[in-house]
Structures are given as C-alpha cells and as structure tokens.
Protein backbone atom coordinates (compact mmCIF):
# COMPACT_ATOMS: atom_id res chain seq x y z
CA ILE A 1 -12.98 47.16 4.30
CA THR A 2 -12.70 48.33 7.86
CA GLU A 3 -13.35 45.02 9.61
CA HIS A 4 -12.00 41.64 8.57
CA CYS A 5 -13.81 38.38 9.23
CA PRO A 6 -12.36 37.00 12.50
CA GLN A 7 -12.44 33.40 11.21
CA CYS A 8 -10.61 33.90 7.90
CA ARG A 9 -8.78 37.15 8.76
CA GLY A 10 -9.70 38.61 5.40
CA THR A 11 -8.36 35.75 3.25
CA GLY A 12 -11.80 34.50 2.21
CA LYS A 13 -11.13 30.95 3.40
CA GLU A 14 -11.17 29.06 6.68
CA LYS A 15 -9.18 26.02 7.75
CA HIS A 16 -11.06 22.95 8.87
CA GLN A 17 -10.49 19.21 8.99
CA ARG A 18 -12.60 16.49 7.48
CA ARG A 19 -12.22 12.83 6.64
CA ILE A 20 -12.28 11.59 3.08
CA LEU A 21 -12.18 8.08 1.68
CA VAL A 22 -9.09 7.33 -0.42
CA ASN A 23 -9.12 4.33 -2.77
CA ILE A 24 -5.66 2.75 -2.69
CA PRO A 25 -5.09 0.49 -5.71
CA ALA A 26 -3.51 -2.95 -5.34
CA GLY A 27 0.22 -3.14 -5.92
CA ILE A 28 0.98 0.46 -5.00
CA ASP A 29 4.63 1.15 -4.16
CA ASP A 30 6.24 3.06 -1.34
CA GLY A 31 6.45 6.75 -2.23
CA ASN A 32 3.68 6.66 -4.86
CA GLN A 33 1.26 9.57 -4.83
CA ILE A 34 -2.49 9.61 -5.30
CA ARG A 35 -4.07 12.82 -6.58
CA LEU A 36 -7.54 13.73 -5.33
CA SER A 37 -8.88 16.40 -7.66
CA GLY A 38 -10.64 19.32 -5.98
CA GLU A 39 -9.91 18.08 -2.45
CA GLY A 40 -7.08 20.51 -1.66
CA ASP A 41 -7.11 24.02 -0.21
CA ALA A 42 -9.92 26.35 -1.16
CA GLY A 43 -9.13 28.84 -3.88
CA GLU A 44 -8.49 32.47 -3.06
CA ARG A 45 -11.61 34.62 -2.80
CA GLY A 46 -14.04 31.88 -3.80
CA GLY A 47 -11.83 30.29 -6.46
CA SER A 48 -11.84 26.58 -7.24
CA PRO A 49 -10.19 24.29 -4.70
CA GLY A 50 -6.83 22.75 -5.52
CA ASN A 51 -5.85 19.10 -5.54
CA LEU A 52 -4.84 16.99 -2.56
CA TYR A 53 -1.81 14.75 -3.04
CA VAL A 54 -1.44 11.74 -0.73
CA THR A 55 2.07 10.24 -0.58
CA LEU A 56 1.99 6.61 0.54
CA SER A 57 4.40 4.89 2.87
CA VAL A 58 4.05 1.10 2.55
CA GLU A 59 4.98 -0.89 5.67
CA GLN A 60 7.10 -4.01 5.40
CA HIS A 61 5.14 -7.23 5.94
CA PRO A 62 6.38 -9.55 8.72
CA PHE A 63 7.03 -12.48 6.34
CA PHE A 64 6.06 -11.54 2.76
CA THR A 65 8.38 -9.50 0.55
CA ARG A 66 7.71 -7.85 -2.79
CA GLU A 67 9.74 -8.13 -5.95
CA ASN A 68 8.14 -5.96 -8.65
CA ASP A 69 4.57 -7.31 -8.91
CA ASN A 70 5.41 -10.62 -7.20
CA ILE A 71 4.85 -11.51 -3.56
CA LEU A 72 7.55 -13.78 -2.11
CA TYR A 73 7.58 -15.99 0.96
CA GLU A 74 10.68 -17.83 2.12
CA LEU A 75 10.08 -21.23 3.70
CA PRO A 76 13.19 -23.18 4.64
CA ILE A 77 12.98 -26.95 4.13
CA ASN A 78 15.52 -29.53 5.21
CA PHE A 79 17.62 -31.79 2.97
CA THR A 80 15.30 -34.80 3.37
CA GLN A 81 12.24 -32.77 2.34
CA ALA A 82 14.09 -31.43 -0.71
CA ALA A 83 15.39 -34.86 -1.73
CA LEU A 84 12.23 -36.91 -1.17
CA GLY A 85 9.59 -34.26 -1.73
CA THR A 86 7.02 -33.08 0.76
CA GLU A 87 3.80 -31.18 1.21
CA VAL A 88 4.07 -27.97 3.22
CA GLU A 89 1.55 -25.44 4.45
CA VAL A 90 2.30 -21.86 3.41
CA PRO A 91 0.56 -18.58 4.20
CA THR A 92 -1.07 -16.58 1.41
CA LEU A 93 -2.86 -13.25 1.37
CA ASP A 94 -6.14 -15.18 1.63
CA GLY A 95 -5.15 -17.69 4.33
CA LYS A 96 -3.06 -20.86 4.35
CA THR A 97 -2.70 -23.33 1.50
CA LYS A 98 -0.82 -26.58 0.92
CA LEU A 99 2.11 -26.61 -1.51
CA ASN A 100 3.57 -29.78 -3.01
CA VAL A 101 7.38 -29.69 -3.16
CA PRO A 102 8.48 -32.27 -5.77
CA ALA A 103 11.34 -34.68 -5.01
CA ARG A 104 14.93 -33.84 -5.98
CA GLN A 105 14.64 -30.08 -5.56
CA SER A 106 18.08 -28.56 -6.06
CA GLY A 107 17.07 -24.94 -6.53
CA HIS A 108 16.28 -22.30 -4.00
CA MET A 109 12.83 -21.34 -5.21
CA ALA A 110 9.47 -22.90 -5.97
CA THR A 111 6.89 -20.82 -7.78
CA THR A 112 3.13 -21.17 -7.39
C-alpha cells in the first residue's frame, strides 16, 4: 500500500461520536457498570466491535438517603408531636403524602 486513507491513517477505522440510549435500572449503585454489547470501538480491519462499559456516578439527593434498597427521609418532630401523635406531610419519589405518627413514639424511626 503506497497511500493510506487520510481519515483512518491505515487503521481501517475512523473515530466518530454518536448518542445512544442507555437503560439505567432502578436501584443502581454508585460505581456500578452497565455493559452495552457491540457498542464499543470498531474491530481492527473490519472485525466485530467491542463492548462499551458505562460506569455510573450516582448523585446524592438533597433530602433522601439510601440504605441498601431502602430510601430514607429524616423528618424531625417535637416532643409534643411524639407524645400525642400527629399527622405530617412527607415527600416521596411520587410527590407528597400524609403520614400518621402514633402517640407515645419513643423511637427514632417510623417505617412506611
């Protein structure tokens, strides 16, 4: 070969960018990887393309925290509310909902 392709410089592949849709499953953790088969670099000299690995970085939420597969929200209540019971409005992933706090709560956590 006396002249190489100016675009690929004789490698048989060209670099280009494109957008692809990545399905991110619910509950994914920071640092998890998603493999997209056949979406990586083109193979040498017409070979099959490799895989694309996407490493995820999950942002912290402003008021929800995660503990394993649970989503936690901390809502401070005062002594009177804990002793007599109350109804409070709490945020959820789907909007706000009302939560009944029974009287005589001595613990630090209510589960819904």
